[in-house]
Amino acid sequence: MGLPTSDNQMVKSIGSSGQISLGKEFAGRQVLIESPAKGVWIIRTATIIPDNETWLHEEKTKGALKKAIAWAKANSAKASNPDDLSSSKQHASKRTIRKN
């Protein structure tokens, strides 16, 4: 457990495995750690976006997503019977099974 030194500082000990506990409130969170000088660390919580999801944050995609969400809000889901969907019947015969 750390010792309080002021309102926004805490003294912590680094364990033998090199770990510091930041407290349960940060459990599971991702953080950025900067080292502007030797022995100085700045730790900030962060939301990391995987490379394969960056396209979701592009302006073009954001606009399309906003439009789709607005449509979904205005058009509630309805129960349907898959047997009544004519397009699935038309495409079913064209489907092929790939063999590896």
PDB file of N, CA and C in Angstrom:
ATOM      1  N   MET A   1       0.847  -1.181   0.000  1.00  0.00           N
ATOM      2  CA  MET A   1       0.000   0.000   0.000  1.00  0.00           C
ATOM      3  C   MET A   1       0.888   1.239   0.000  1.00  0.00           C
ATOM      4  N   GLY A   2       0.503   2.255  -0.709  1.00  0.00           N
ATOM      5  CA  GLY A   2       1.291   3.473  -0.805  1.00  0.00           C
ATOM      6  C   GLY A   2       1.002   4.434   0.326  1.00  0.00           C
ATOM      7  N   LEU A   3       1.940   5.318   0.542  1.00  0.00           N
ATOM      8  CA  LEU A   3       1.776   6.355   1.548  1.00  0.00           C
ATOM      9  C   LEU A   3       1.377   7.656   0.873  1.00  0.00           C
ATOM     10  N   PRO A   4       0.319   8.324   1.361  1.00  0.00           N
ATOM     11  CA  PRO A   4      -0.075   9.585   0.721  1.00  0.00           C
ATOM     12  C   PRO A   4       0.946  10.691   1.009  1.00  0.00           C
ATOM     13  N   THR A   5       1.299  11.470  -0.034  1.00  0.00           N
ATOM     14  CA  THR A   5       2.222  12.586   0.146  1.00  0.00           C
ATOM     15  C   THR A   5       1.533  13.917  -0.120  1.00  0.00           C
ATOM     16  N   SER A   6       0.471  13.922  -0.895  1.00  0.00           N
ATOM     17  CA  SER A   6      -0.332  15.119  -1.139  1.00  0.00           C
ATOM     18  C   SER A   6      -1.633  14.661  -1.779  1.00  0.00           C
ATOM     19  N   ASP A   7      -2.460  15.603  -2.221  1.00  0.00           N
ATOM     20  CA  ASP A   7      -3.737  15.226  -2.821  1.00  0.00           C
ATOM     21  C   ASP A   7      -3.593  14.382  -4.083  1.00  0.00           C
ATOM     22  N   ASN A   8      -2.537  14.606  -4.859  1.00  0.00           N
ATOM     23  CA  ASN A   8      -2.409  13.880  -6.126  1.00  0.00           C
ATOM     24  C   ASN A   8      -1.111  13.099  -6.253  1.00  0.00           C
ATOM     25  N   GLN A   9      -0.451  12.814  -5.148  1.00  0.00           N
ATOM     26  CA  GLN A   9       0.765  12.015  -5.189  1.00  0.00           C
ATOM     27  C   GLN A   9       0.655  10.862  -4.206  1.00  0.00           C
ATOM     28  N   MET A  10       1.348   9.768  -4.511  1.00  0.00           N
ATOM     29  CA  MET A  10       1.356   8.592  -3.657  1.00  0.00           C
ATOM     30  C   MET A  10       2.720   7.946  -3.776  1.00  0.00           C
ATOM     31  N   VAL A  11       3.281   7.505  -2.662  1.00  0.00           N
ATOM     32  CA  VAL A  11       4.548   6.788  -2.675  1.00  0.00           C
ATOM     33  C   VAL A  11       4.235   5.304  -2.788  1.00  0.00           C
ATOM     34  N   LYS A  12       4.815   4.650  -3.782  1.00  0.00           N
ATOM     35  CA  LYS A  12       4.611   3.216  -4.010  1.00  0.00           C
ATOM     36  C   LYS A  12       5.960   2.532  -4.045  1.00  0.00           C
ATOM     37  N   SER A  13       5.966   1.253  -3.742  1.00  0.00           N
ATOM     38  CA  SER A  13       7.192   0.461  -3.838  1.00  0.00           C
ATOM     39  C   SER A  13       7.098  -0.432  -5.066  1.00  0.00           C
ATOM     40  N   ILE A  14       8.202  -0.551  -5.768  1.00  0.00           N
ATOM     41  CA  ILE A  14       8.268  -1.441  -6.923  1.00  0.00           C
ATOM     42  C   ILE A  14       8.647  -2.818  -6.394  1.00  0.00           C
ATOM     43  N   GLY A  15       7.829  -3.824  -6.691  1.00  0.00           N
ATOM     44  CA  GLY A  15       8.061  -5.185  -6.222  1.00  0.00           C
ATOM     45  C   GLY A  15       9.273  -5.822  -6.878  1.00  0.00           C
ATOM     46  N   SER A  16       9.657  -6.984  -6.367  1.00  0.00           N
ATOM     47  CA  SER A  16      10.853  -7.671  -6.882  1.00  0.00           C
ATOM     48  C   SER A  16      10.710  -8.086  -8.342  1.00  0.00           C
ATOM     49  N   SER A  17       9.459  -8.198  -8.828  1.00  0.00           N
ATOM     50  CA  SER A  17       9.249  -8.551 -10.241  1.00  0.00           C
ATOM     51  C   SER A  17       9.139  -7.299 -11.116  1.00  0.00           C
ATOM     52  N   GLY A  18       9.306  -6.104 -10.533  1.00  0.00           N
ATOM     53  CA  GLY A  18       9.276  -4.867 -11.305  1.00  0.00           C
ATOM     54  C   GLY A  18       7.888  -4.282 -11.491  1.00  0.00           C
ATOM     55  N   GLN A  19       6.921  -4.742 -10.708  1.00  0.00           N
ATOM     56  CA  GLN A  19       5.547  -4.269 -10.854  1.00  0.00           C
ATOM     57  C   GLN A  19       5.171  -3.237  -9.794  1.00  0.00           C
ATOM     58  N   ILE A  20       4.247  -2.354 -10.197  1.00  0.00           N
ATOM     59  CA  ILE A  20       3.671  -1.360  -9.301  1.00  0.00           C
ATOM     60  C   ILE A  20       2.159  -1.529  -9.363  1.00  0.00           C
ATOM     61  N   SER A  21       1.501  -1.572  -8.228  1.00  0.00           N
ATOM     62  CA  SER A  21       0.050  -1.653  -8.204  1.00  0.00           C
ATOM     63  C   SER A  21      -0.517  -0.235  -8.221  1.00  0.00           C
ATOM     64  N   LEU A  22      -1.400   0.028  -9.168  1.00  0.00           N
ATOM     65  CA  LEU A  22      -2.029   1.341  -9.257  1.00  0.00           C
ATOM     66  C   LEU A  22      -3.382   1.369  -8.550  1.00  0.00           C
ATOM     67  N   GLY A  23      -3.846   0.224  -8.103  1.00  0.00           N
ATOM     68  CA  GLY A  23      -5.122   0.142  -7.402  1.00  0.00           C
ATOM     69  C   GLY A  23      -6.169  -0.569  -8.236  1.00  0.00           C
ATOM     70  N   LYS A  24      -7.157  -1.130  -7.554  1.00  0.00           N
ATOM     71  CA  LYS A  24      -8.198  -1.909  -8.226  1.00  0.00           C
ATOM     72  C   LYS A  24      -9.024  -1.075  -9.187  1.00  0.00           C
ATOM     73  N   GLU A  25      -9.110   0.222  -8.958  1.00  0.00           N
ATOM     74  CA  GLU A  25      -9.913   1.061  -9.858  1.00  0.00           C
ATOM     75  C   GLU A  25      -9.353   1.078 -11.280  1.00  0.00           C
ATOM     76  N   PHE A  26      -8.091   0.698 -11.448  1.00  0.00           N
ATOM     77  CA  PHE A  26      -7.475   0.683 -12.778  1.00  0.00           C
ATOM     78  C   PHE A  26      -7.287  -0.732 -13.313  1.00  0.00           C
ATOM     79  N   ALA A  27      -7.771  -1.727 -12.604  1.00  0.00           N
ATOM     80  CA  ALA A  27      -7.607  -3.125 -13.014  1.00  0.00           C
ATOM     81  C   ALA A  27      -8.185  -3.337 -14.415  1.00  0.00           C
ATOM     82  N   GLY A  28      -7.405  -3.971 -15.279  1.00  0.00           N
ATOM     83  CA  GLY A  28      -7.850  -4.277 -16.628  1.00  0.00           C
ATOM     84  C   GLY A  28      -7.723  -3.137 -17.622  1.00  0.00           C
ATOM     85  N   ARG A  29      -7.382  -1.948 -17.166  1.00  0.00           N
ATOM     86  CA  ARG A  29      -7.252  -0.794 -18.067  1.00  0.00           C
ATOM     87  C   ARG A  29      -5.910  -0.829 -18.779  1.00  0.00           C
ATOM     88  N   GLN A  30      -5.867  -0.235 -19.962  1.00  0.00           N
ATOM     89  CA  GLN A  30      -4.604  -0.064 -20.678  1.00  0.00           C
ATOM     90  C   GLN A  30      -4.063   1.319 -20.338  1.00  0.00           C
ATOM     91  N   VAL A  31      -2.739   1.430 -20.277  1.00  0.00           N
ATOM     92  CA  VAL A  31      -2.116   2.703 -19.950  1.00  0.00           C
ATOM     93  C   VAL A  31      -0.969   3.004 -20.908  1.00  0.00           C
ATOM     94  N   LEU A  32      -0.699   4.273 -21.073  1.00  0.00           N
ATOM     95  CA  LEU A  32       0.498   4.727 -21.792  1.00  0.00           C
ATOM     96  C   LEU A  32       1.507   5.148 -20.737  1.00  0.00           C
ATOM     97  N   ILE A  33       2.735   4.714 -20.910  1.00  0.00           N
ATOM     98  CA  ILE A  33       3.787   5.089 -19.968  1.00  0.00           C
ATOM     99  C   ILE A  33       4.856   5.855 -20.729  1.00  0.00           C
ATOM    100  N   GLU A  34       5.052   7.095 -20.328  1.00  0.00           N
ATOM    101  CA  GLU A  34       6.086   7.936 -20.937  1.00  0.00           C
ATOM    102  C   GLU A  34       7.217   8.101 -19.935  1.00  0.00           C
ATOM    103  N   SER A  35       8.432   8.225 -20.440  1.00  0.00           N
ATOM    104  CA  SER A  35       9.588   8.450 -19.584  1.00  0.00           C
ATOM    105  C   SER A  35      10.360   9.657 -20.104  1.00  0.00           C
ATOM    106  N   PRO A  36       9.924  10.879 -19.702  1.00  0.00           N
ATOM    107  CA  PRO A  36      10.576  12.086 -20.210  1.00  0.00           C
ATOM    108  C   PRO A  36      12.000  12.292 -19.691  1.00  0.00           C
ATOM    109  N   ALA A  37      12.344  11.616 -18.590  1.00  0.00           N
ATOM    110  CA  ALA A  37      13.704  11.695 -18.038  1.00  0.00           C
ATOM    111  C   ALA A  37      13.961  10.414 -17.248  1.00  0.00           C
ATOM    112  N   LYS A  38      15.215  10.120 -16.999  1.00  0.00           N
ATOM    113  CA  LYS A  38      15.559   8.905 -16.255  1.00  0.00           C
ATOM    114  C   LYS A  38      14.902   8.960 -14.873  1.00  0.00           C
ATOM    115  N   GLY A  39      14.169   7.899 -14.535  1.00  0.00           N
ATOM    116  CA  GLY A  39      13.512   7.820 -13.237  1.00  0.00           C
ATOM    117  C   GLY A  39      12.195   8.579 -13.146  1.00  0.00           C
ATOM    118  N   VAL A  40      11.741   9.150 -14.266  1.00  0.00           N
ATOM    119  CA  VAL A  40      10.474   9.887 -14.284  1.00  0.00           C
ATOM    120  C   VAL A  40       9.518   9.162 -15.226  1.00  0.00           C
ATOM    121  N   TRP A  41       8.346   8.833 -14.713  1.00  0.00           N
ATOM    122  CA  TRP A  41       7.335   8.167 -15.526  1.00  0.00           C
ATOM    123  C   TRP A  41       6.041   8.944 -15.456  1.00  0.00           C
ATOM    124  N   ILE A  42       5.412   9.071 -16.588  1.00  0.00           N
ATOM    125  CA  ILE A  42       4.071   9.652 -16.658  1.00  0.00           C
ATOM    126  C   ILE A  42       3.167   8.524 -17.141  1.00  0.00           C
ATOM    127  N   ILE A  43       2.202   8.169 -16.314  1.00  0.00           N
ATOM    128  CA  ILE A  43       1.295   7.058 -16.632  1.00  0.00           C
ATOM    129  C   ILE A  43      -0.095   7.633 -16.864  1.00  0.00           C
ATOM    130  N   ARG A  44      -0.649   7.362 -18.065  1.00  0.00           N
ATOM    131  CA  ARG A  44      -1.987   7.866 -18.401  1.00  0.00           C
ATOM    132  C   ARG A  44      -2.846   6.712 -18.890  1.00  0.00           C
ATOM    133  N   THR A  45      -4.100   6.674 -18.433  1.00  0.00           N
ATOM    134  CA  THR A  45      -5.016   5.671 -18.963  1.00  0.00           C
ATOM    135  C   THR A  45      -5.278   6.002 -20.428  1.00  0.00           C
ATOM    136  N   ALA A  46      -5.530   4.962 -21.207  1.00  0.00           N
ATOM    137  CA  ALA A  46      -5.706   5.167 -22.647  1.00  0.00           C
ATOM    138  C   ALA A  46      -6.669   4.136 -23.218  1.00  0.00           C
ATOM    139  N   THR A  47      -7.284   4.508 -24.305  1.00  0.00           N
ATOM    140  CA  THR A  47      -8.066   3.578 -25.098  1.00  0.00           C
ATOM    141  C   THR A  47      -7.262   3.325 -26.368  1.00  0.00           C
ATOM    142  N   ILE A  48      -6.845   2.115 -26.542  1.00  0.00           N
ATOM    143  CA  ILE A  48      -6.001   1.752 -27.676  1.00  0.00           C
ATOM    144  C   ILE A  48      -6.885   1.190 -28.790  1.00  0.00           C
ATOM    145  N   ILE A  49      -6.691   1.652 -30.006  1.00  0.00           N
ATOM    146  CA  ILE A  49      -7.451   1.181 -31.161  1.00  0.00           C
ATOM    147  C   ILE A  49      -6.558   0.232 -31.964  1.00  0.00           C
ATOM    148  N   PRO A  50      -6.965  -1.033 -32.082  1.00  0.00           N
ATOM    149  CA  PRO A  50      -6.172  -1.977 -32.878  1.00  0.00           C
ATOM    150  C   PRO A  50      -6.057  -1.499 -34.330  1.00  0.00           C
ATOM    151  N   ASP A  51      -4.945  -1.807 -34.977  1.00  0.00           N
ATOM    152  CA  ASP A  51      -4.702  -1.379 -36.358  1.00  0.00           C
ATOM    153  C   ASP A  51      -5.843  -1.775 -37.297  1.00  0.00           C
ATOM    154  N   ASN A  52      -6.403  -2.979 -37.113  1.00  0.00           N
ATOM    155  CA  ASN A  52      -7.440  -3.428 -38.034  1.00  0.00           C
ATOM    156  C   ASN A  52      -8.805  -2.790 -37.757  1.00  0.00           C
ATOM    157  N   GLU A  53      -8.887  -1.884 -36.763  1.00  0.00           N
ATOM    158  CA  GLU A  53     -10.129  -1.181 -36.480  1.00  0.00           C
ATOM    159  C   GLU A  53     -10.028   0.331 -36.698  1.00  0.00           C
ATOM    160  N   THR A  54      -8.882   0.802 -37.165  1.00  0.00           N
ATOM    161  CA  THR A  54      -8.707   2.246 -37.365  1.00  0.00           C
ATOM    162  C   THR A  54      -9.649   2.806 -38.415  1.00  0.00           C
ATOM    163  N   TRP A  55     -10.048   1.975 -39.388  1.00  0.00           N
ATOM    164  CA  TRP A  55     -10.956   2.430 -40.444  1.00  0.00           C
ATOM    165  C   TRP A  55     -12.284   2.893 -39.858  1.00  0.00           C
ATOM    166  N   LEU A  56     -12.674   2.352 -38.711  1.00  0.00           N
ATOM    167  CA  LEU A  56     -13.934   2.758 -38.077  1.00  0.00           C
ATOM    168  C   LEU A  56     -13.905   4.206 -37.591  1.00  0.00           C
ATOM    169  N   HIS A  57     -12.718   4.763 -37.456  1.00  0.00           N
ATOM    170  CA  HIS A  57     -12.567   6.118 -36.931  1.00  0.00           C
ATOM    171  C   HIS A  57     -12.263   7.151 -38.021  1.00  0.00           C
ATOM    172  N   GLU A  58     -12.265   6.721 -39.282  1.00  0.00           N
ATOM    173  CA  GLU A  58     -12.070   7.653 -40.393  1.00  0.00           C
ATOM    174  C   GLU A  58     -13.358   8.443 -40.608  1.00  0.00           C
ATOM    175  N   GLU A  59     -13.239   9.683 -41.064  1.00  0.00           N
ATOM    176  CA  GLU A  59     -14.409  10.563 -41.225  1.00  0.00           C
ATOM    177  C   GLU A  59     -15.474   9.951 -42.136  1.00  0.00           C
ATOM    178  N   LYS A  60     -15.037   9.347 -43.233  1.00  0.00           N
ATOM    179  CA  LYS A  60     -15.984   8.742 -44.178  1.00  0.00           C
ATOM    180  C   LYS A  60     -16.805   7.656 -43.478  1.00  0.00           C
ATOM    181  N   THR A  61     -16.136   6.819 -42.718  1.00  0.00           N
ATOM    182  CA  THR A  61     -16.808   5.722 -42.034  1.00  0.00           C
ATOM    183  C   THR A  61     -17.677   6.235 -40.893  1.00  0.00           C
ATOM    184  N   LYS A  62     -17.196   7.239 -40.172  1.00  0.00           N
ATOM    185  CA  LYS A  62     -17.994   7.807 -39.078  1.00  0.00           C
ATOM    186  C   LYS A  62     -19.338   8.300 -39.592  1.00  0.00           C
ATOM    187  N   GLY A  63     -19.335   8.971 -40.745  1.00  0.00           N
ATOM    188  CA  GLY A  63     -20.571   9.471 -41.335  1.00  0.00           C
ATOM    189  C   GLY A  63     -21.523   8.344 -41.693  1.00  0.00           C
ATOM    190  N   ALA A  64     -20.980   7.289 -42.293  1.00  0.00           N
ATOM    191  CA  ALA A  64     -21.803   6.143 -42.680  1.00  0.00           C
ATOM    192  C   ALA A  64     -22.365   5.441 -41.446  1.00  0.00           C
ATOM    193  N   LEU A  65     -21.557   5.333 -40.400  1.00  0.00           N
ATOM    194  CA  LEU A  65     -22.030   4.702 -39.167  1.00  0.00           C
ATOM    195  C   LEU A  65     -23.124   5.532 -38.503  1.00  0.00           C
ATOM    196  N   LYS A  66     -22.946   6.849 -38.475  1.00  0.00           N
ATOM    197  CA  LYS A  66     -23.978   7.724 -37.893  1.00  0.00           C
ATOM    198  C   LYS A  66     -25.290   7.569 -38.653  1.00  0.00           C
ATOM    199  N   LYS A  67     -25.192   7.500 -39.974  1.00  0.00           N
ATOM    200  CA  LYS A  67     -26.374   7.345 -40.825  1.00  0.00           C
ATOM    201  C   LYS A  67     -27.055   5.994 -40.553  1.00  0.00           C
ATOM    202  N   ALA A  68     -26.263   4.944 -40.426  1.00  0.00           N
ATOM    203  CA  ALA A  68     -26.803   3.611 -40.165  1.00  0.00           C
ATOM    204  C   ALA A  68     -27.451   3.533 -38.784  1.00  0.00           C
ATOM    205  N   ILE A  69     -26.831   4.164 -37.798  1.00  0.00           N
ATOM    206  CA  ILE A  69     -27.395   4.156 -36.443  1.00  0.00           C
ATOM    207  C   ILE A  69     -28.706   4.933 -36.417  1.00  0.00           C
ATOM    208  N   ALA A  70     -28.750   6.071 -37.117  1.00  0.00           N
ATOM    209  CA  ALA A  70     -29.993   6.850 -37.190  1.00  0.00           C
ATOM    210  C   ALA A  70     -31.099   6.028 -37.848  1.00  0.00           C
ATOM    211  N   TRP A  71     -30.763   5.296 -38.921  1.00  0.00           N
ATOM    212  CA  TRP A  71     -31.752   4.448 -39.596  1.00  0.00           C
ATOM    213  C   TRP A  71     -32.249   3.363 -38.644  1.00  0.00           C
ATOM    214  N   ALA A  72     -31.318   2.743 -37.906  1.00  0.00           N
ATOM    215  CA  ALA A  72     -31.699   1.658 -36.987  1.00  0.00           C
ATOM    216  C   ALA A  72     -32.609   2.176 -35.874  1.00  0.00           C
ATOM    217  N   LYS A  73     -32.376   3.402 -35.417  1.00  0.00           N
ATOM    218  CA  LYS A  73     -33.230   3.985 -34.383  1.00  0.00           C
ATOM    219  C   LYS A  73     -34.626   4.273 -34.923  1.00  0.00           C
ATOM    220  N   ALA A  74     -34.701   4.684 -36.165  1.00  0.00           N
ATOM    221  CA  ALA A  74     -35.990   5.035 -36.780  1.00  0.00           C
ATOM    222  C   ALA A  74     -36.761   3.813 -37.269  1.00  0.00           C
ATOM    223  N   ASN A  75     -36.085   2.696 -37.472  1.00  0.00           N
ATOM    224  CA  ASN A  75     -36.717   1.476 -37.999  1.00  0.00           C
ATOM    225  C   ASN A  75     -36.479   0.327 -37.024  1.00  0.00           C
ATOM    226  N   SER A  76     -37.437   0.101 -36.155  1.00  0.00           N
ATOM    227  CA  SER A  76     -37.270  -0.948 -35.150  1.00  0.00           C
ATOM    228  C   SER A  76     -37.249  -2.330 -35.802  1.00  0.00           C
ATOM    229  N   ALA A  77     -36.611  -3.245 -35.114  1.00  0.00           N
ATOM    230  CA  ALA A  77     -36.496  -4.620 -35.614  1.00  0.00           C
ATOM    231  C   ALA A  77     -37.869  -5.275 -35.649  1.00  0.00           C
ATOM    232  N   LYS A  78     -38.080  -6.126 -36.640  1.00  0.00           N
ATOM    233  CA  LYS A  78     -39.346  -6.835 -36.794  1.00  0.00           C
ATOM    234  C   LYS A  78     -39.060  -8.325 -36.919  1.00  0.00           C
ATOM    235  N   ALA A  79     -39.952  -9.120 -36.382  1.00  0.00           N
ATOM    236  CA  ALA A  79     -39.808 -10.571 -36.510  1.00  0.00           C
ATOM    237  C   ALA A  79     -39.989 -10.956 -37.970  1.00  0.00           C
ATOM    238  N   SER A  80     -39.238 -11.925 -38.415  1.00  0.00           N
ATOM    239  CA  SER A  80     -39.373 -12.385 -39.794  1.00  0.00           C
ATOM    240  C   SER A  80     -39.172 -13.888 -39.856  1.00  0.00           C
ATOM    241  N   ASN A  81     -39.678 -14.467 -40.911  1.00  0.00           N
ATOM    242  CA  ASN A  81     -39.526 -15.894 -41.147  1.00  0.00           C
ATOM    243  C   ASN A  81     -38.547 -16.046 -42.298  1.00  0.00           C
ATOM    244  N   PRO A  82     -37.413 -16.689 -42.073  1.00  0.00           N
ATOM    245  CA  PRO A  82     -36.415 -16.832 -43.148  1.00  0.00           C
ATOM    246  C   PRO A  82     -36.964 -17.509 -44.399  1.00  0.00           C
ATOM    247  N   ASP A  83     -37.985 -18.367 -44.231  1.00  0.00           N
ATOM    248  CA  ASP A  83     -38.569 -19.044 -45.394  1.00  0.00           C
ATOM    249  C   ASP A  83     -39.310 -18.074 -46.302  1.00  0.00           C
ATOM    250  N   ASP A  84     -39.722 -16.926 -45.748  1.00  0.00           N
ATOM    251  CA  ASP A  84     -40.448 -15.928 -46.529  1.00  0.00           C
ATOM    252  C   ASP A  84     -39.526 -14.986 -47.305  1.00  0.00           C
ATOM    253  N   LEU A  85     -38.237 -15.071 -47.071  1.00  0.00           N
ATOM    254  CA  LEU A  85     -37.288 -14.180 -47.733  1.00  0.00           C
ATOM    255  C   LEU A  85     -36.943 -14.736 -49.106  1.00  0.00           C
ATOM    256  N   SER A  86     -37.447 -14.111 -50.137  1.00  0.00           N
ATOM    257  CA  SER A  86     -37.262 -14.627 -51.497  1.00  0.00           C
ATOM    258  C   SER A  86     -35.810 -14.584 -51.941  1.00  0.00           C
ATOM    259  N   SER A  87     -35.058 -13.583 -51.517  1.00  0.00           N
ATOM    260  CA  SER A  87     -33.670 -13.476 -51.983  1.00  0.00           C
ATOM    261  C   SER A  87     -32.820 -14.624 -51.466  1.00  0.00           C
ATOM    262  N   SER A  88     -33.096 -15.126 -50.269  1.00  0.00           N
ATOM    263  CA  SER A  88     -32.291 -16.240 -49.763  1.00  0.00           C
ATOM    264  C   SER A  88     -32.550 -17.502 -50.571  1.00  0.00           C
ATOM    265  N   LYS A  89     -33.774 -17.682 -51.089  1.00  0.00           N
ATOM    266  CA  LYS A  89     -34.093 -18.844 -51.916  1.00  0.00           C
ATOM    267  C   LYS A  89     -33.380 -18.755 -53.259  1.00  0.00           C
ATOM    268  N   GLN A  90     -33.315 -17.568 -53.833  1.00  0.00           N
ATOM    269  CA  GLN A  90     -32.684 -17.392 -55.139  1.00  0.00           C
ATOM    270  C   GLN A  90     -31.187 -17.656 -55.066  1.00  0.00           C
ATOM    271  N   HIS A  91     -30.555 -17.211 -53.977  1.00  0.00           N
ATOM    272  CA  HIS A  91     -29.105 -17.335 -53.863  1.00  0.00           C
ATOM    273  C   HIS A  91     -28.676 -18.695 -53.328  1.00  0.00           C
ATOM    274  N   ALA A  92     -29.577 -19.420 -52.712  1.00  0.00           N
ATOM    275  CA  ALA A  92     -29.211 -20.704 -52.114  1.00  0.00           C
ATOM    276  C   ALA A  92     -28.681 -21.684 -53.158  1.00  0.00           C
ATOM    277  N   SER A  93     -29.270 -21.702 -54.323  1.00  0.00           N
ATOM    278  CA  SER A  93     -28.841 -22.649 -55.350  1.00  0.00           C
ATOM    279  C   SER A  93     -27.487 -22.275 -55.943  1.00  0.00           C
ATOM    280  N   LYS A  94     -27.073 -21.033 -55.813  1.00  0.00           N
ATOM    281  CA  LYS A  94     -25.808 -20.571 -56.393  1.00  0.00           C
ATOM    282  C   LYS A  94     -24.624 -20.761 -55.446  1.00  0.00           C
ATOM    283  N   ARG A  95     -24.907 -21.099 -54.202  1.00  0.00           N
ATOM    284  CA  ARG A  95     -23.845 -21.236 -53.230  1.00  0.00           C
ATOM    285  C   ARG A  95     -23.038 -22.505 -53.499  1.00  0.00           C
ATOM    286  N   THR A  96     -21.738 -22.381 -53.315  1.00  0.00           N
ATOM    287  CA  THR A  96     -20.876 -23.547 -53.464  1.00  0.00           C
ATOM    288  C   THR A  96     -20.074 -23.726 -52.193  1.00  0.00           C
ATOM    289  N   ILE A  97     -19.734 -24.925 -51.901  1.00  0.00           N
ATOM    290  CA  ILE A  97     -18.941 -25.213 -50.706  1.00  0.00           C
ATOM    291  C   ILE A  97     -17.505 -25.343 -51.142  1.00  0.00           C
ATOM    292  N   ARG A  98     -16.648 -24.567 -50.515  1.00  0.00           N
ATOM    293  CA  ARG A  98     -15.216 -24.624 -50.829  1.00  0.00           C
ATOM    294  C   ARG A  98     -14.551 -25.741 -50.047  1.00  0.00           C
ATOM    295  N   LYS A  99     -13.658 -26.419 -50.706  1.00  0.00           N
ATOM    296  CA  LYS A  99     -12.859 -27.455 -50.031  1.00  0.00           C
ATOM    297  C   LYS A  99     -11.457 -26.927 -49.894  1.00  0.00           C
ATOM    298  N   ASN A 100     -10.883 -27.131 -48.727  1.00  0.00           N
ATOM    299  CA  ASN A 100      -9.518 -26.644 -48.479  1.00  0.00           C
ATOM    300  C   ASN A 100      -8.494 -27.529 -49.096  1.00  0.00           C
TER     301      ASN A 100
END
